[in-house]
Structures are given as C-alpha cells and as structure tokens.
Amino acid sequence: MEVHDLVDIAELERKHALDSINPKTQSTLGQFFTPAPAARLIASMIDFPDQEQYKILDPGAGSGILSAALIERLLREKPNAIIHVTAVERDPAMIPFLTATLHACEQLAPAQVSTQVLEADYILDSTGLDSTLNFQAEFDIVIENPPYGKISNSSPHRKALQAYGLDTPNLYAAFLALSIDTLKSGGTLVAITPRSFFNGPYFGSFRKRLLRSLTLNKIHVFDSRSTVFNDTGVLQENVIFAASKNTPQGKVTLSVSHDHLGDQVQRHVAYTEVVRPNDPHQFIRLATSEEDTEIAEKMLTLPCSLTDLGITVSTGKVVDFRSKESLSFIQSEDGHPLVYPVNIKNGTVTWPIDGRKPQWFIPASDKENMLLLPEGWYTVVKRFSSKEERRRIVAATWSPIVKPGSVAFENHLNVFHTSGVGLDQDLAHGLTAWLNSTFVDRYFRMFSGHTQVNATDLKTLRFPSTEDLRKLSKESDGTTESIDLILKEKGF
C-alpha cells in the first residue's frame, strides 16, 4: 500500500457506508459524507506549521475520509511527522467503516500514525458537567465536514449549547464553535460547510464569535450547487474555509472552481476586503475576481444608505397561517389586495392572479386591520428567490392604481416604505430598477450564499441619491437590459 492509496481506501469505506445507511438516520443526523476529490481539496487548504508532531481532531468523522486525506498529505509532505488523530462519531453504524479507514492509515506508517475512535455525540458530550469529551485547547488541526441541520429550541442539544454559552441555530455552526475551543493558539481549523453563515442576522452572533477567535486564511467557493455531494443528493452552496486561532490578519486567499474536480482561479486580497472593520454585522464578503472588487469599490462610493434616503425596509406584516380568517379568494367590498411573492412578475406586481394563494385580505379584527399599509407606491423584494431564478434580488413595484386603498403584504416579502407609508411613484420605480440591476445582483452575491434575502442584507446596500433614482425610473423601461445599459453609461 502506498501513501496515495489512503484516500482511495477511505472512499471505498464511504461508499459502503452510503449503501448501508438508513436514510431516516442520515436526515436526522444531518450526514453528508465527503467524496474523495473534495476530501483532498479540503486537506490541501491547510498550511502546515513547521513542527514534528501533529495532533488532529476530526469531529463528526463519518467514514474517516477527511482524516485519511490529511494523513495522506502529511506523510507525503512531512515524511518524518508523528501524527495522532482523534475521530469522533455519533452514529454507531459508522464506527466499523471509520475504524477500517483509520486502521489502514496506521498500517501504512505504524511508527508515525496513531488514531483514536470515540463513539460520542460531539455536542452533548462536549458540554455539561457530565461531558465525556474533555478536550482542552490541545489540537494543532481540526478538520471537519460537520452535520447540516437546524437545532430546535426544545432539543437537548440547544439547551446544552446555551448552558455552555453558545446559542447557534444549526448543527454545523455548533460543531464549528465547539471546535474553536479545542484548538491550540496558532492552530488551524479547516471545514466544508454551507455558505449561509457568511451573512444575515440568523448567524450573526455565531459569525462574530468565530471571527473574534479565528483569522480567515483561505476560502474556496464552488460555482456548482449540486456536484460536491452529488451522490448524496444534497443541493447546497458550500464553501471550504481555513482559519487560524489567535493569529494576525494578513492576506486572504480566495479561490473558486466549478466543483471539487475543476481548475481553480485564485486571488489574494486584503483581509479588510473580506471582513470590513466598520461593518457591525461582520459579513464575510467574497470578491473572487478583479471585477468583483471593482463592483465593491463602486458600491462603497455611492452617496446614500436607506436611512439617508428616508426609506425603511421591513418584512410584510401578514403571516398567512396566523391570519386565516382574514384571507379570501373571493372579491369583497371590504377586501384589500393581498400580495404574495407569486404576484411579482417582470418588475411589477400583478394582482389579482388565479392560483393557490388567496388574493384578498378582509380584516377579521382591529388587530388584523393593523396589518394593512395605507394606499401608496411600494417597492417589494422577494425574501426567498427560487433556485431557478437568475437573480438573488427580485424586486417589483406595487401600484395603487391597480386597486386604490390599503394593501396587505405577505411575510415572504420585504417592503420598502417611508415610516409606514408609500413612496412617491418615481422613487418607487427607481428603487425597483436599481435593485433589479446586474450591478446590485453581483454585489449581493459577494456576501450572500443562499437564496434568502433578509431586510438586514438590504439595509447594508448603498444607493444613488433620490434624484438619481427618480431619473433611473424615467430613463429605463423596467427591463434588466435597459437598466444595465443606463447604469453602464454611468460607470456601473
């Protein structure tokens, strides 16, 4: 057996594990096993410190392919290294495959490689008074593909994390947060995760905690959402990132490939391009090309925030399952338009439409009446764009001419208004045009890796002046092509 055989052996164990796993268990535990090419790519992201011994942690180890890829690389590049791997796995069905993988690693270099398999719940057994994983800040490297899945508020995992001082909404964020505490100062964490924690309020406290302890060194982005875990059926926008604990900020290497097999395009950028020092949200931004950097710089030169424009953005007030008595498919004299994301068509709100969503809102109480906004022009943005849509930000203008009077907006829309009342017509159309531009879409993608568009995200954008937005309304015909042509002439 040669060094380069280790990952191939681990890949066989991974495939055996996939064949034997219970799909319900896989869903419950959030298991998505790393294919061999991705495992080698993840292991390649680490800059090894110049030392003789390496203590490695692989939490949520699955069949052990990440450990194998890291050992394979260490033995090739550091032929005299002494390596110890601690692999933690919760699922007892995975233990035989994990043990087989790590046994092969030990057999290849018995004088250098030692391993330990711990069957444990990484979250529950790392927290609490009776925790069995009493890891200190002892590891040089943590390598992981943590499980993906939400943690319910009532789950023992959420309660254990809260008692530990963590309140993270997702399994992968919990794994990362706990892993930081196991690293030595100067140690490296490398992980493949969803990109969703890079922005938005949902992961805000976790993101700030991570960036307080770790310095980002390398980030790799995949163009394709479907090929990294193509044999596990997951459709996710993933990133690989490597970060070091308690180290100075320097250049960050950003790279992109179509999938885990494709050629990479790399660039090195200042840390402040990735995490802006004055950004209260601490978004992680990825300008993976010179063009992206140019777009980011131009965005920062724009004169206005929403506050400067006197505009507010908030989510629609109507949560339909809470207002069932007020929803109607039938026109009524007491009814008001109810606008859903499905009503957005080509930059305007088409209402009413035939379909599965009620189009009328008839307040059943004074409380329900407070969910209406007064007659006016409003810019609305879908909070969730579909995976098939070309743009992340999908905006449209509500016209009171369609149906004069108050209007209701459903909770899956972001609504732009002025202190609870509508905008003027030209400003509403100009704001819609700006948000539907390719320029804004390109900028938004630098920090958003998912299809959700939060009001917080929109508040971080910069905008032209009120006068320029009104001009954009008058000069464009509302199509993206027209908007982009006008903005190109203006240098965007």
Protein backbone atom coordinates (compact mmCIF):
# COMPACT_ATOMS: atom_id res chain seq x y z
CA MET A 1 0.00 0.00 0.00
CA GLU A 2 1.28 3.44 -0.98
CA VAL A 3 0.53 6.81 0.64
CA HIS A 4 -1.75 7.85 -2.20
CA ASP A 5 -3.88 4.74 -1.59
CA LEU A 6 -5.23 6.02 1.73
CA VAL A 7 -7.99 8.22 0.34
CA ASP A 8 -8.93 5.54 -2.19
CA ILE A 9 -9.38 3.06 0.66
CA ALA A 10 -11.37 5.64 2.61
CA GLU A 11 -13.54 6.27 -0.45
CA LEU A 12 -14.46 2.59 -0.60
CA GLU A 13 -15.45 2.70 3.06
CA ARG A 14 -17.50 5.85 2.38
CA LYS A 15 -19.39 4.11 -0.42
CA HIS A 16 -20.01 1.06 1.75
CA ALA A 17 -21.32 3.38 4.46
CA LEU A 18 -23.65 5.12 1.98
CA ASP A 19 -25.02 1.77 0.83
CA SER A 20 -25.77 0.68 4.37
CA ILE A 21 -27.04 3.89 5.95
CA ASN A 22 -30.67 4.35 6.92
CA PRO A 23 -31.97 7.43 5.03
CA LYS A 24 -34.03 8.49 8.05
CA THR A 25 -30.96 8.34 10.27
CA GLN A 26 -28.97 10.29 7.68
CA SER A 27 -31.59 13.03 7.63
CA THR A 28 -31.91 13.15 11.42
CA LEU A 29 -28.16 13.35 11.97
CA GLY A 30 -27.52 15.68 9.02
CA GLN A 31 -24.96 13.33 7.47
CA PHE A 32 -23.43 14.16 4.09
CA PHE A 33 -20.26 12.17 3.52
CA THR A 34 -17.36 13.85 1.75
CA PRO A 35 -16.33 12.41 -1.65
CA ALA A 36 -12.63 11.68 -2.21
CA PRO A 37 -11.83 14.65 -4.51
CA ALA A 38 -13.48 17.07 -2.08
CA ALA A 39 -11.63 15.48 0.85
CA ARG A 40 -8.27 16.03 -0.86
CA LEU A 41 -9.25 19.61 -1.68
CA ILE A 42 -10.19 20.28 1.95
CA ALA A 43 -6.92 18.81 3.22
CA SER A 44 -4.96 20.92 0.71
CA MET A 45 -6.22 24.16 2.30
CA ILE A 46 -4.03 23.80 5.40
CA ASP A 47 -0.65 25.48 5.77
CA PHE A 48 1.25 23.07 8.00
CA PRO A 49 3.27 24.60 10.82
CA ASP A 50 6.95 23.64 10.93
CA GLN A 51 6.89 21.01 13.68
CA GLU A 52 7.44 17.29 14.21
CA GLN A 53 4.16 16.26 15.82
CA TYR A 54 0.59 16.94 14.73
CA LYS A 55 -2.43 16.36 16.91
CA ILE A 56 -5.62 16.29 14.80
CA LEU A 57 -9.34 16.29 15.65
CA ASP A 58 -11.99 15.05 13.20
CA PRO A 59 -15.43 15.67 14.80
CA GLY A 60 -18.39 14.04 13.08
CA ALA A 61 -15.86 11.86 11.27
CA GLY A 62 -18.26 9.64 9.35
CA SER A 63 -16.24 7.03 7.49
CA GLY A 64 -12.97 8.90 8.16
CA ILE A 65 -12.16 10.17 4.69
CA LEU A 66 -11.06 13.64 5.85
CA SER A 67 -8.63 12.16 8.35
CA ALA A 68 -7.27 9.87 5.62
CA ALA A 69 -6.80 12.80 3.22
CA LEU A 70 -4.96 14.81 5.86
CA ILE A 71 -2.73 11.90 6.89
CA GLU A 72 -2.03 11.17 3.22
CA ARG A 73 -0.85 14.73 2.66
CA LEU A 74 1.17 14.92 5.88
CA LEU A 75 3.03 11.69 5.16
CA ARG A 76 3.81 12.92 1.66
CA GLU A 77 4.97 16.42 2.62
CA LYS A 78 6.25 15.77 6.17
CA PRO A 79 7.70 12.25 5.88
CA ASN A 80 9.02 12.23 9.46
CA ALA A 81 5.90 13.63 11.10
CA ILE A 82 4.35 11.98 14.12
CA ILE A 83 0.57 12.10 13.68
CA HIS A 84 -2.23 11.39 16.13
CA VAL A 85 -5.87 11.59 15.04
CA THR A 86 -8.87 11.67 17.36
CA ALA A 87 -12.06 10.91 15.41
CA VAL A 88 -15.48 11.47 17.00
CA GLU A 89 -18.59 9.87 15.52
CA ARG A 90 -22.11 9.70 16.95
CA ASP A 91 -23.66 7.07 14.66
CA PRO A 92 -22.75 3.53 15.80
CA ALA A 93 -23.41 2.27 12.27
CA MET A 94 -20.46 4.35 11.05
CA ILE A 95 -17.94 3.10 13.59
CA PRO A 96 -16.86 -0.04 11.63
CA PHE A 97 -16.21 2.00 8.47
CA LEU A 98 -14.38 4.71 10.40
CA THR A 99 -12.28 2.14 12.25
CA ALA A 100 -11.38 0.39 9.00
CA THR A 101 -10.25 3.65 7.39
CA LEU A 102 -8.08 4.69 10.32
CA HIS A 103 -6.66 1.18 10.71
CA ALA A 104 -5.43 1.40 7.11
CA CYS A 105 -3.72 4.71 7.96
CA GLU A 106 -1.97 3.12 10.94
CA GLN A 107 -0.91 0.09 8.90
CA LEU A 108 0.76 2.28 6.29
CA ALA A 109 3.01 4.04 8.82
CA PRO A 110 2.72 2.30 12.21
CA ALA A 111 5.69 4.16 13.69
CA GLN A 112 4.19 7.54 12.81
CA VAL A 113 0.40 7.32 12.80
CA SER A 114 -1.82 6.60 15.77
CA THR A 115 -5.58 7.01 15.90
CA GLN A 116 -8.41 7.00 18.41
CA VAL A 117 -12.09 6.47 17.59
CA LEU A 118 -14.61 7.86 20.07
CA GLU A 119 -18.28 6.99 19.73
CA ALA A 120 -19.86 10.11 21.18
CA ASP A 121 -22.28 12.94 20.50
CA TYR A 122 -19.89 15.81 19.80
CA ILE A 123 -22.31 18.45 21.09
CA LEU A 124 -23.78 16.75 24.17
CA ASP A 125 -20.51 15.09 25.17
CA SER A 126 -18.52 18.33 24.81
CA THR A 127 -20.84 20.32 27.06
CA GLY A 128 -22.33 19.96 30.51
CA LEU A 129 -20.97 18.71 33.82
CA ASP A 130 -21.02 15.06 32.73
CA SER A 131 -19.26 15.64 29.39
CA THR A 132 -17.02 12.78 28.29
CA LEU A 133 -15.09 14.70 25.62
CA ASN A 134 -12.95 16.77 27.91
CA PHE A 135 -10.88 18.31 25.13
CA GLN A 136 -8.75 21.25 26.08
CA ALA A 137 -7.12 23.66 23.63
CA GLU A 138 -4.88 20.81 22.55
CA PHE A 139 -5.22 20.23 18.80
CA ASP A 140 -2.98 21.59 16.04
CA ILE A 141 -5.58 20.94 13.35
CA VAL A 142 -9.34 20.43 13.32
CA ILE A 143 -10.66 19.10 10.02
CA GLU A 144 -14.38 18.58 9.55
CA ASN A 145 -17.45 18.23 7.42
CA PRO A 146 -19.95 18.92 10.20
CA PRO A 147 -23.56 17.73 10.02
CA TYR A 148 -26.12 20.06 8.44
CA GLY A 149 -29.47 20.61 10.11
CA LYS A 150 -31.39 23.00 12.33
CA ILE A 151 -31.38 22.65 16.10
CA SER A 152 -34.85 23.07 17.55
CA ASN A 153 -35.28 25.34 20.54
CA SER A 154 -36.58 22.47 22.66
CA SER A 155 -33.85 19.96 21.80
CA PRO A 156 -31.32 18.82 24.43
CA HIS A 157 -28.57 19.94 22.05
CA ARG A 158 -29.84 23.54 22.04
CA LYS A 159 -30.19 23.56 25.82
CA ALA A 160 -26.71 22.09 26.29
CA LEU A 161 -25.21 24.68 23.98
CA GLN A 162 -26.99 27.53 25.73
CA ALA A 163 -25.71 26.31 29.09
CA TYR A 164 -22.22 26.22 27.55
CA GLY A 165 -22.60 29.84 26.43
CA LEU A 166 -23.44 29.17 22.77
CA ASP A 167 -26.73 29.79 21.02
CA THR A 168 -26.33 28.59 17.46
CA PRO A 169 -29.24 27.72 15.14
CA ASN A 170 -27.64 24.91 13.15
CA LEU A 171 -25.64 21.76 13.82
CA TYR A 172 -22.73 22.84 11.64
CA ALA A 173 -22.38 26.16 13.45
CA ALA A 174 -22.40 24.37 16.81
CA PHE A 175 -19.66 21.98 15.63
CA LEU A 176 -17.53 24.88 14.42
CA ALA A 177 -17.98 26.87 17.63
CA LEU A 178 -17.04 23.90 19.82
CA SER A 179 -14.09 23.08 17.57
CA ILE A 180 -12.60 26.54 18.03
CA ASP A 181 -12.29 25.84 21.76
CA THR A 182 -10.29 22.65 21.10
CA LEU A 183 -7.63 24.40 19.00
CA LYS A 184 -4.25 25.46 20.29
CA SER A 185 -3.34 29.10 19.81
CA GLY A 186 -1.96 29.21 16.28
CA GLY A 187 -3.81 26.03 15.32
CA THR A 188 -5.85 25.68 12.13
CA LEU A 189 -9.49 24.80 11.54
CA VAL A 190 -10.49 23.69 8.05
CA ALA A 191 -14.08 22.82 7.22
CA ILE A 192 -16.55 22.43 4.40
CA THR A 193 -19.89 24.00 5.32
CA PRO A 194 -22.89 25.74 3.82
CA ARG A 195 -22.12 29.35 2.97
CA SER A 196 -25.22 30.55 4.78
CA PHE A 197 -23.37 31.82 7.87
CA PHE A 198 -21.44 34.42 5.84
CA ASN A 199 -24.29 36.94 6.13
CA GLY A 200 -27.67 37.70 7.65
CA PRO A 201 -28.93 38.06 11.22
CA TYR A 202 -29.68 34.34 11.65
CA PHE A 203 -26.00 33.53 12.20
CA GLY A 204 -24.98 36.97 13.47
CA SER A 205 -23.83 36.06 16.99
CA PHE A 206 -22.09 32.90 15.78
CA ARG A 207 -20.29 34.77 12.99
CA LYS A 208 -18.99 37.40 15.41
CA ARG A 209 -17.84 34.72 17.86
CA LEU A 210 -15.99 32.87 15.09
CA LEU A 211 -14.26 35.99 13.79
CA ARG A 212 -13.20 37.05 17.29
CA SER A 213 -11.21 33.83 17.69
CA LEU A 214 -10.19 32.89 14.16
CA THR A 215 -8.40 34.66 11.36
CA LEU A 216 -9.57 33.64 7.89
CA ASN A 217 -6.69 32.44 5.72
CA LYS A 218 -8.26 30.73 2.72
CA ILE A 219 -11.80 30.44 1.33
CA HIS A 220 -12.80 28.25 -1.59
CA VAL A 221 -16.14 28.71 -3.38
CA PHE A 222 -17.91 26.29 -5.72
CA ASP A 223 -19.79 27.60 -8.74
CA SER A 224 -21.98 24.50 -8.79
CA ARG A 225 -24.53 23.82 -6.06
CA SER A 226 -25.09 20.19 -6.99
CA THR A 227 -21.83 18.39 -7.72
CA VAL A 228 -19.83 18.47 -4.48
CA PHE A 229 -22.08 15.93 -2.76
CA ASN A 230 -23.58 14.59 -5.96
CA ASP A 231 -24.01 11.02 -4.71
CA THR A 232 -25.80 12.08 -1.52
CA GLY A 233 -28.49 14.20 -3.15
CA VAL A 234 -27.67 17.43 -1.32
CA LEU A 235 -28.22 20.75 -3.10
CA GLN A 236 -26.25 23.30 -1.12
CA GLU A 237 -23.98 26.26 -1.76
CA ASN A 238 -20.84 25.12 0.01
CA VAL A 239 -17.54 26.72 0.87
CA ILE A 240 -14.30 25.40 2.27
CA PHE A 241 -12.50 27.71 4.64
CA ALA A 242 -9.27 27.51 6.59
CA ALA A 243 -8.73 29.76 9.58
CA SER A 244 -6.14 30.01 12.35
CA LYS A 245 -6.66 30.76 16.01
CA ASN A 246 -5.31 33.95 17.60
CA THR A 247 -3.12 34.92 14.64
CA PRO A 248 -2.62 38.33 12.96
CA GLN A 249 -4.73 39.26 9.97
CA GLY A 250 -2.97 39.08 6.62
CA LYS A 251 -3.87 38.37 3.04
CA VAL A 252 -6.79 36.03 2.37
CA THR A 253 -6.60 33.57 -0.50
CA LEU A 254 -9.91 33.38 -2.35
CA SER A 255 -10.39 30.60 -4.87
CA VAL A 256 -13.25 29.35 -6.99
CA SER A 257 -13.92 26.25 -9.06
CA HIS A 258 -16.96 24.75 -10.73
CA ASP A 259 -16.81 21.71 -8.46
CA HIS A 260 -14.27 19.70 -6.47
CA LEU A 261 -12.59 18.45 -9.66
CA GLY A 262 -12.36 21.68 -11.67
CA ASP A 263 -9.47 24.05 -12.16
CA GLN A 264 -9.19 26.78 -9.56
CA VAL A 265 -8.96 30.51 -10.07
CA GLN A 266 -7.16 32.16 -7.15
CA ARG A 267 -6.56 35.65 -5.93
CA HIS A 268 -5.09 37.16 -2.77
CA VAL A 269 -6.90 40.08 -1.16
CA ALA A 270 -6.53 42.25 1.92
CA TYR A 271 -8.38 40.98 4.99
CA THR A 272 -10.43 44.17 5.07
CA GLU A 273 -11.90 43.27 1.66
CA VAL A 274 -13.34 40.11 3.18
CA VAL A 275 -14.40 41.42 6.61
CA ARG A 276 -14.78 45.17 6.79
CA PRO A 277 -13.58 46.63 10.09
CA ASN A 278 -16.54 49.04 10.34
CA ASP A 279 -19.23 46.51 9.42
CA PRO A 280 -21.37 45.96 12.52
CA HIS A 281 -22.78 42.75 11.03
CA GLN A 282 -19.33 41.29 10.25
CA PHE A 283 -20.46 39.89 6.89
CA ILE A 284 -17.89 37.74 5.11
CA ARG A 285 -17.60 39.03 1.53
CA LEU A 286 -16.09 37.16 -1.38
CA ALA A 287 -14.82 39.24 -4.28
CA THR A 288 -13.41 36.29 -6.21
CA SER A 289 -12.36 38.35 -9.24
CA GLU A 290 -10.92 41.77 -10.01
CA GLU A 291 -14.30 42.70 -11.46
CA ASP A 292 -15.97 41.84 -8.14
CA THR A 293 -13.51 44.09 -6.30
CA GLU A 294 -14.27 46.91 -8.72
CA ILE A 295 -18.01 46.46 -8.13
CA ALA A 296 -17.50 46.50 -4.35
CA GLU A 297 -15.43 49.67 -4.54
CA LYS A 298 -18.04 51.39 -6.71
CA MET A 299 -20.81 50.35 -4.33
CA LEU A 300 -18.94 51.97 -1.45
CA THR A 301 -18.69 55.27 -3.35
CA LEU A 302 -22.46 55.63 -3.64
CA PRO A 303 -23.77 58.54 -1.57
CA CYS A 304 -26.76 57.13 0.28
CA SER A 305 -27.89 54.50 2.71
CA LEU A 306 -31.59 53.75 3.07
CA THR A 307 -31.58 55.98 6.16
CA ASP A 308 -30.14 58.84 4.10
CA LEU A 309 -32.97 58.35 1.61
CA GLY A 310 -35.55 58.36 4.40
CA ILE A 311 -36.63 54.86 3.41
CA THR A 312 -37.28 51.89 5.66
CA VAL A 313 -37.40 48.20 4.70
CA SER A 314 -39.28 45.62 6.73
CA THR A 315 -40.91 42.27 6.18
CA GLY A 316 -44.54 42.05 5.13
CA LYS A 317 -46.92 42.04 8.08
CA VAL A 318 -49.28 39.23 7.07
CA VAL A 319 -48.29 35.75 8.24
CA ASP A 320 -50.96 33.83 6.41
CA PHE A 321 -51.32 30.84 8.76
CA ARG A 322 -51.91 33.28 11.64
CA SER A 323 -54.50 35.30 9.72
CA LYS A 324 -56.53 32.51 8.11
CA GLU A 325 -59.86 34.13 8.98
CA SER A 326 -58.85 37.28 7.08
CA LEU A 327 -57.77 35.57 3.85
CA SER A 328 -60.11 35.15 0.90
CA PHE A 329 -60.08 34.02 -2.71
CA ILE A 330 -63.30 35.91 -3.33
CA GLN A 331 -63.58 39.63 -4.07
CA SER A 332 -65.33 41.63 -1.37
CA GLU A 333 -66.26 45.27 -0.85
CA ASP A 334 -64.47 45.08 2.50
CA GLY A 335 -61.43 43.37 0.98
CA HIS A 336 -57.96 44.71 0.28
CA PRO A 337 -55.27 43.39 -2.07
CA LEU A 338 -53.04 40.69 -0.54
CA VAL A 339 -49.68 40.49 -2.27
CA TYR A 340 -47.53 37.35 -2.24
CA PRO A 341 -44.16 36.67 -3.91
CA VAL A 342 -46.03 34.83 -6.69
CA ASN A 343 -47.59 38.17 -7.65
CA ILE A 344 -44.19 39.55 -8.68
CA LYS A 345 -43.79 39.49 -12.45
CA ASN A 346 -41.16 41.36 -14.50
CA GLY A 347 -40.58 44.23 -12.09
CA THR A 348 -44.24 44.87 -11.29
CA VAL A 349 -46.84 43.35 -9.00
CA THR A 350 -49.51 41.51 -10.98
CA TRP A 351 -52.73 41.37 -8.98
CA PRO A 352 -55.04 39.58 -8.70
CA ILE A 353 -53.88 36.26 -10.13
CA ASP A 354 -55.51 32.85 -10.26
CA GLY A 355 -53.72 30.26 -8.21
CA ARG A 356 -53.32 28.65 -4.83
CA LYS A 357 -52.78 31.88 -2.88
CA PRO A 358 -55.72 34.00 -1.65
CA GLN A 359 -55.67 37.46 -3.20
CA TRP A 360 -57.90 39.32 -0.76
CA PHE A 361 -57.37 40.39 2.82
CA ILE A 362 -60.54 41.11 4.80
CA PRO A 363 -59.55 42.11 8.36
CA ALA A 364 -61.41 39.97 10.88
CA SER A 365 -60.50 42.21 13.82
CA ASP A 366 -58.94 45.54 14.71
CA LYS A 367 -55.67 43.69 15.24
CA GLU A 368 -55.80 42.30 11.72
CA ASN A 369 -56.64 45.76 10.39
CA MET A 370 -53.26 46.94 11.70
CA LEU A 371 -51.55 44.62 9.20
CA LEU A 372 -52.57 46.88 6.31
CA LEU A 373 -50.41 49.61 4.81
CA PRO A 374 -52.05 52.79 3.53
CA GLU A 375 -52.63 53.42 -0.16
CA GLY A 376 -49.38 54.23 -1.94
CA TRP A 377 -46.50 53.12 -4.12
CA TYR A 378 -44.26 50.46 -2.57
CA THR A 379 -41.14 48.62 -3.69
CA VAL A 380 -41.19 44.97 -2.68
CA VAL A 381 -38.46 42.29 -2.80
CA LYS A 382 -38.88 38.54 -2.52
CA ARG A 383 -37.37 37.21 0.69
CA PHE A 384 -36.75 33.85 -0.94
CA SER A 385 -35.80 33.69 -4.60
CA SER A 386 -36.22 30.29 -6.19
CA LYS A 387 -33.14 28.30 -7.19
CA GLU A 388 -34.16 28.63 -10.82
CA GLU A 389 -34.22 32.45 -10.82
CA ARG A 390 -31.24 34.19 -12.35
CA ARG A 391 -31.15 36.88 -9.69
CA ARG A 392 -30.95 36.79 -5.93
CA ILE A 393 -32.75 40.11 -5.52
CA VAL A 394 -36.13 40.09 -7.28
CA ALA A 395 -37.87 43.45 -6.88
CA ALA A 396 -41.16 44.90 -8.10
CA THR A 397 -43.34 47.96 -7.63
CA TRP A 398 -46.84 47.93 -6.19
CA SER A 399 -49.06 50.47 -7.92
CA PRO A 400 -52.12 51.81 -6.07
CA ILE A 401 -53.69 52.35 -9.47
CA VAL A 402 -54.26 48.57 -9.63
CA LYS A 403 -56.59 48.79 -6.63
CA PRO A 404 -56.85 52.07 -4.73
CA GLY A 405 -56.92 51.82 -0.96
CA SER A 406 -54.95 50.00 1.69
CA VAL A 407 -52.84 46.96 0.79
CA ALA A 408 -51.53 43.90 2.65
CA PHE A 409 -48.12 42.32 2.01
CA GLU A 410 -47.39 38.74 2.97
CA ASN A 411 -44.44 37.93 5.24
CA HIS A 412 -42.30 36.42 2.47
CA LEU A 413 -41.82 39.90 1.00
CA ASN A 414 -39.56 42.76 2.08
CA VAL A 415 -41.38 46.08 1.75
CA PHE A 416 -39.73 49.48 1.21
CA HIS A 417 -41.72 52.38 2.66
CA THR A 418 -41.35 55.76 4.35
CA SER A 419 -42.28 55.44 8.03
CA GLY A 420 -45.16 53.13 7.21
CA VAL A 421 -46.49 54.98 4.17
CA GLY A 422 -45.78 54.66 0.48
CA LEU A 423 -43.02 56.20 -1.63
CA ASP A 424 -43.57 58.65 -4.44
CA GLN A 425 -44.12 56.97 -7.79
CA ASP A 426 -40.79 57.78 -9.46
CA LEU A 427 -38.80 56.89 -6.36
CA ALA A 428 -40.55 53.53 -6.05
CA HIS A 429 -39.89 52.69 -9.72
CA GLY A 430 -36.29 53.92 -9.49
CA LEU A 431 -35.62 51.87 -6.38
CA THR A 432 -37.08 48.79 -8.06
CA ALA A 433 -34.91 49.36 -11.12
CA TRP A 434 -31.77 49.78 -9.01
CA LEU A 435 -32.42 46.60 -7.04
CA ASN A 436 -33.09 44.63 -10.24
CA SER A 437 -29.79 45.67 -11.82
CA THR A 438 -26.99 43.21 -12.54
CA PHE A 439 -24.64 45.53 -10.65
CA VAL A 440 -26.57 45.10 -7.39
CA ASP A 441 -27.03 41.38 -8.01
CA ARG A 442 -23.27 40.88 -8.48
CA TYR A 443 -22.52 42.82 -5.32
CA PHE A 444 -25.14 40.95 -3.27
CA ARG A 445 -23.69 37.58 -4.28
CA MET A 446 -20.33 38.52 -2.73
CA PHE A 447 -21.73 38.11 0.76
CA SER A 448 -24.86 36.03 0.25
CA GLY A 449 -24.50 32.34 -0.45
CA HIS A 450 -28.15 31.38 -0.29
CA THR A 451 -31.48 32.28 -1.80
CA GLN A 452 -32.77 34.18 1.23
CA VAL A 453 -32.77 37.99 1.11
CA ASN A 454 -33.11 39.49 4.58
CA ALA A 455 -34.12 43.04 5.37
CA THR A 456 -30.77 43.33 7.17
CA ASP A 457 -28.96 42.46 3.93
CA LEU A 458 -30.85 45.15 2.04
CA LYS A 459 -30.05 47.73 4.70
CA THR A 460 -26.32 47.19 4.13
CA LEU A 461 -26.54 48.21 0.45
CA ARG A 462 -25.61 51.68 -0.81
CA PHE A 463 -27.87 53.62 -3.15
CA PRO A 464 -27.76 56.54 -5.59
CA SER A 465 -29.33 59.81 -4.49
CA THR A 466 -33.09 60.29 -4.52
CA GLU A 467 -32.73 62.46 -7.62
CA ASP A 468 -30.70 59.80 -9.46
CA LEU A 469 -33.16 57.06 -8.52
CA ARG A 470 -36.02 59.14 -9.93
CA LYS A 471 -34.01 59.71 -13.13
CA LEU A 472 -33.41 55.95 -13.41
CA SER A 473 -37.15 55.43 -13.19
CA LYS A 474 -37.80 57.83 -16.09
CA GLU A 475 -34.90 56.66 -18.29
CA SER A 476 -35.43 52.87 -18.11
CA ASP A 477 -38.29 50.76 -19.37
CA GLY A 478 -38.07 48.46 -16.35
CA THR A 479 -36.25 45.61 -18.08
CA THR A 480 -32.91 44.47 -16.72
CA GLU A 481 -31.31 45.08 -20.12
CA SER A 482 -32.47 48.70 -20.14
CA ILE A 483 -31.44 49.25 -16.50
CA ASP A 484 -27.98 47.72 -17.05
CA LEU A 485 -27.39 49.80 -20.19
CA ILE A 486 -28.18 53.04 -18.33
CA LEU A 487 -26.00 52.09 -15.37
CA LYS A 488 -23.16 51.08 -17.69
CA GLU A 489 -23.26 54.54 -19.25
CA LYS A 490 -22.97 55.97 -15.74
CA GLY A 491 -19.91 53.83 -14.98
CA PHE A 492 -21.57 50.92 -13.11
